[in-house]
Amino acid sequence: VTLQVQPSAALRSGSTITVTGMTGSLTGPGILPLDGASKGLFGSSGNWTQSSGQLVLTVASGQVVVSSSVTTVSFVLQGPSSTGNAVTPSISAHSVQHAATVLEPTPVVAVTDVAENI
């Protein structure tokens, strides 16, 4: 899965980007390795919750997700053994700098190529 985000405001260390609704994966819960040019912004991993299909990316210490360019990471989720219903994930972000949600959950068009401006 490739995730591309461009926040409307910078996300500083401790801020989070959450992708929800990726249900049906056989990938077990825990730390999910990231790949891609921007993986270091999140410490090269995210926190995956299989039961709810949620991935939380936390901006690493000393890092900033800038608003002036697209941030891209990818990760692998094992698909189900049989074809099921399509899912519609959503992306939201929470900024610790503003101590508020900077984006309400936003539907994403495709699971295999998740892209959203936040």
Foldseek 3Di string as FASTA:
>chain_A
DKEKEAEPAKAAAFKKKKKWWQAQFPDAWAWFAKDDDQCVQQPRTWGAHHVGRMTMGGGHPPHMRHNPDMHMIDTDTHHHPDDDDAIWMWMWIGHPVVRGTRGDTDTADHPVHGYDYD
